[in-house]
Amino acid sequence: MLLGDSGVGKTCFLVQFKDGAFLSGTFIATVGIDFRNKVVTVDDVKVKLQIWDTAGQERFRSVTHAYYRDAQALLLLYDITSKMSFDNIRAWLSEIHEYAQKDVVIMLLGNKADVSSERVVRTEDGETLAREYGVPFMETSAKTGMNVELAFLAIAKELKERAVQQLDEPRFQIHDYIESQKKKSSCCAFI
């Protein structure tokens, strides 16, 4: 499930992942909730993701709260060019802790990294907040596709590992997976 303030790029993020395209220009904000499906391969196993795109406006929050409890993973986005969207992350996390399952996978994403010339939220601030809440973090760009697929694949791998994990096996570490993928591409900021 994609969460975050209106205008942070949730719909573009989803379209980039699903279709490999960027929605340029202006478009109508998501009203209520929408979803898309995509099958990905994780460790030679096909995994079907059903990704819910939520409205970021306050007036739709009561609608989206109802979907939190069934979500297995939440990708929480802010816009690196909007201090307000970053400042609102704590409120989003509070709602997540109130309405979502206790073991829900959460990932923090600083979107719009392609417009770093307009950056007002430092990468370090995103890293610090993620560390405080114990969640993985990376910066992304729905426009260029930077780290979009990695975010979803890391979530899919975490969910797959949880589903098949034996009690005596070491637990999959999403942070370690992201770091290993970062080293392969060496283009991203993670904690």
Protein backbone atom coordinates (compact mmCIF):
# COMPACT_ATOMS: atom_id res chain seq x y z
CA MET A 1 0.00 0.00 0.00
CA LEU A 2 1.35 3.43 -0.94
CA LEU A 3 0.89 6.19 1.62
CA GLY A 4 1.91 9.83 1.89
CA ASP A 5 0.67 13.35 1.39
CA SER A 6 -1.09 14.40 -1.78
CA GLY A 7 1.39 15.32 -4.51
CA VAL A 8 4.37 13.24 -3.31
CA GLY A 9 4.17 11.03 -6.41
CA LYS A 10 2.42 7.87 -5.22
CA THR A 11 0.45 7.31 -8.42
CA CYS A 12 3.48 8.08 -10.63
CA PHE A 13 5.55 5.74 -8.46
CA LEU A 14 3.05 2.93 -9.00
CA VAL A 15 2.72 3.56 -12.75
CA GLN A 16 6.52 3.60 -13.09
CA PHE A 17 6.71 0.21 -11.37
CA LYS A 18 3.75 -1.35 -13.17
CA ASP A 19 4.24 0.04 -16.67
CA GLY A 20 7.77 1.46 -16.73
CA ALA A 21 6.39 4.85 -17.68
CA PHE A 22 6.14 8.30 -16.14
CA LEU A 23 2.87 10.23 -16.04
CA SER A 24 4.03 13.66 -17.16
CA GLY A 25 1.95 16.80 -16.98
CA THR A 26 -0.91 17.39 -14.63
CA PHE A 27 -3.45 14.77 -13.74
CA ILE A 28 -6.31 14.34 -11.33
CA ALA A 29 -5.37 13.35 -7.80
CA THR A 30 -6.38 9.90 -6.64
CA VAL A 31 -9.85 9.94 -5.10
CA GLY A 32 -10.26 7.37 -2.35
CA ILE A 33 -8.20 4.36 -3.35
CA ASP A 34 -7.08 2.49 -6.47
CA PHE A 35 -4.98 -0.61 -7.04
CA ARG A 36 -2.83 -2.39 -9.62
CA ASN A 37 -1.41 -5.90 -9.81
CA LYS A 38 2.04 -6.94 -10.93
CA VAL A 39 3.77 -10.31 -10.85
CA VAL A 40 7.45 -10.20 -9.91
CA THR A 41 10.04 -12.93 -9.59
CA VAL A 42 11.75 -13.31 -6.23
CA ASP A 43 14.38 -16.04 -5.96
CA ASP A 44 12.88 -17.85 -8.98
CA VAL A 45 9.41 -17.75 -7.41
CA LYS A 46 6.56 -15.75 -8.97
CA VAL A 47 4.98 -13.37 -6.46
CA LYS A 48 1.80 -11.45 -7.26
CA LEU A 49 1.73 -8.00 -5.72
CA GLN A 50 -1.54 -6.16 -5.34
CA ILE A 51 -0.52 -2.55 -4.77
CA TRP A 52 -3.01 -0.07 -3.40
CA ASP A 53 -2.61 3.61 -4.26
CA THR A 54 -4.25 5.85 -1.69
CA ALA A 55 -5.44 9.43 -1.75
CA GLY A 56 -3.15 11.66 0.26
CA GLN A 57 -5.73 14.33 1.05
CA GLU A 58 -6.90 14.56 4.65
CA ARG A 59 -10.56 14.21 3.64
CA PHE A 60 -9.94 10.64 2.40
CA ARG A 61 -7.99 9.43 5.44
CA SER A 62 -10.95 7.68 7.03
CA VAL A 63 -11.38 5.65 3.83
CA THR A 64 -7.73 4.60 3.70
CA HIS A 65 -7.61 3.69 7.41
CA ALA A 66 -9.95 0.80 6.67
CA TYR A 67 -7.37 -0.71 4.31
CA TYR A 68 -4.42 -0.48 6.72
CA ARG A 69 -5.38 -3.54 8.73
CA ASP A 70 -5.21 -5.88 5.73
CA ALA A 71 -1.99 -4.46 4.29
CA GLN A 72 1.10 -6.63 4.53
CA ALA A 73 3.44 -3.80 3.53
CA LEU A 74 3.29 -0.01 3.52
CA LEU A 75 5.51 2.20 1.40
CA LEU A 76 5.45 5.66 2.94
CA LEU A 77 6.48 8.40 0.52
CA TYR A 78 7.46 12.01 0.98
CA ASP A 79 8.65 14.55 -1.59
CA ILE A 80 12.27 15.68 -1.12
CA THR A 81 11.22 19.11 -2.45
CA SER A 82 8.45 19.51 0.16
CA LYS A 83 9.37 20.01 3.81
CA MET A 84 5.69 19.71 4.77
CA SER A 85 5.37 16.24 3.24
CA PHE A 86 8.44 15.16 5.23
CA ASP A 87 7.20 16.78 8.44
CA ASN A 88 3.92 14.88 8.07
CA ILE A 89 5.69 11.48 8.02
CA ARG A 90 5.48 11.20 11.82
CA ALA A 91 1.69 11.64 11.64
CA TRP A 92 1.51 8.96 8.95
CA LEU A 93 3.61 6.62 11.08
CA SER A 94 1.33 7.29 14.05
CA GLU A 95 -1.69 6.31 11.94
CA ILE A 96 0.12 3.20 10.72
CA HIS A 97 0.85 2.12 14.28
CA GLU A 98 -2.77 2.76 15.24
CA TYR A 99 -4.51 1.02 12.33
CA ALA A 100 -2.09 -1.45 10.69
CA GLN A 101 -1.03 -4.94 11.76
CA LYS A 102 1.82 -5.00 14.26
CA ASP A 103 4.11 -6.93 11.88
CA VAL A 104 3.40 -4.85 8.77
CA VAL A 105 6.48 -4.16 6.65
CA ILE A 106 7.14 -0.42 6.42
CA MET A 107 9.56 1.33 4.08
CA LEU A 108 10.25 5.09 3.97
CA LEU A 109 10.87 6.58 0.54
CA GLY A 110 12.07 10.09 -0.31
CA ASN A 111 10.62 10.58 -3.80
CA LYS A 112 11.45 13.05 -6.59
CA ALA A 113 15.21 12.57 -6.22
CA ASP A 114 15.52 13.57 -9.89
CA VAL A 115 14.90 17.21 -8.92
CA SER A 116 17.70 17.45 -6.37
CA SER A 117 18.27 21.10 -7.35
CA GLU A 118 14.96 21.84 -5.59
CA ARG A 119 15.73 19.62 -2.60
CA VAL A 120 14.65 20.93 0.82
CA VAL A 121 14.83 17.63 2.73
CA ARG A 122 18.35 16.29 3.14
CA THR A 123 19.04 12.59 2.56
CA GLU A 124 20.46 12.48 6.09
CA ASP A 125 17.12 13.66 7.51
CA GLY A 126 15.33 10.76 5.82
CA GLU A 127 17.98 8.34 7.07
CA THR A 128 17.70 9.66 10.63
CA LEU A 129 13.91 9.40 10.68
CA ALA A 130 14.01 5.88 9.25
CA ARG A 131 16.56 4.84 11.86
CA GLU A 132 14.39 6.33 14.61
CA TYR A 133 11.43 4.19 13.52
CA GLY A 134 13.50 1.14 12.57
CA VAL A 135 12.41 1.07 8.93
CA PRO A 136 14.42 0.85 5.71
CA PHE A 137 14.87 4.03 3.69
CA MET A 138 15.89 5.02 0.21
CA GLU A 139 15.44 7.91 -2.14
CA THR A 140 13.53 7.26 -5.35
CA SER A 141 12.43 8.91 -8.55
CA ALA A 142 9.13 7.97 -10.13
CA LYS A 143 10.23 10.02 -13.14
CA THR A 144 13.54 8.26 -13.88
CA GLY A 145 12.66 4.96 -12.20
CA MET A 146 15.56 5.24 -9.74
CA ASN A 147 15.07 2.65 -6.97
CA VAL A 148 11.37 2.16 -7.80
CA GLU A 149 11.73 -1.50 -8.72
CA LEU A 150 14.23 -2.07 -5.91
CA ALA A 151 11.74 -0.78 -3.33
CA PHE A 152 9.02 -3.16 -4.50
CA LEU A 153 11.37 -6.12 -4.92
CA ALA A 154 12.80 -5.61 -1.43
CA ILE A 155 9.27 -5.59 -0.01
CA ALA A 156 8.31 -8.66 -2.08
CA LYS A 157 11.42 -10.51 -0.91
CA GLU A 158 10.69 -9.66 2.72
CA LEU A 159 7.09 -10.88 2.39
CA LYS A 160 8.16 -14.07 0.59
CA GLU A 161 10.79 -14.81 3.23
CA ARG A 162 8.25 -14.30 6.01
CA ALA A 163 5.85 -16.69 4.31
CA VAL A 164 8.37 -19.52 3.93
CA GLN A 165 10.64 -18.94 6.92
CA GLN A 166 11.23 -21.92 9.17
CA LEU A 167 11.54 -21.26 12.88
CA ASP A 168 15.16 -22.39 13.01
CA GLU A 169 16.31 -20.39 9.98
CA PRO A 170 17.97 -16.99 10.29
CA ARG A 171 15.54 -14.19 9.50
CA PHE A 172 15.82 -12.33 6.17
CA GLN A 173 17.07 -8.79 6.71
CA ILE A 174 15.52 -6.25 4.35
CA HIS A 175 18.22 -3.68 5.22
CA ASP A 176 20.97 -6.14 4.20
CA TYR A 177 19.18 -6.96 0.94
CA ILE A 178 18.88 -3.28 0.02
CA GLU A 179 22.55 -2.71 0.84
CA SER A 180 23.63 -5.64 -1.35
CA GLN A 181 21.57 -4.30 -4.26
CA LYS A 182 22.98 -0.81 -3.67
CA LYS A 183 26.51 -2.14 -3.99
CA LYS A 184 25.57 -3.69 -7.33
CA SER A 185 24.29 -0.39 -8.72
CA SER A 186 26.12 2.07 -6.41
CA CYS A 187 23.65 4.88 -7.02
CA CYS A 188 21.52 5.19 -3.94
CA ALA A 189 21.32 6.28 -0.33
CA PHE A 190 20.24 3.70 2.22
CA ILE A 191 20.54 3.04 5.91
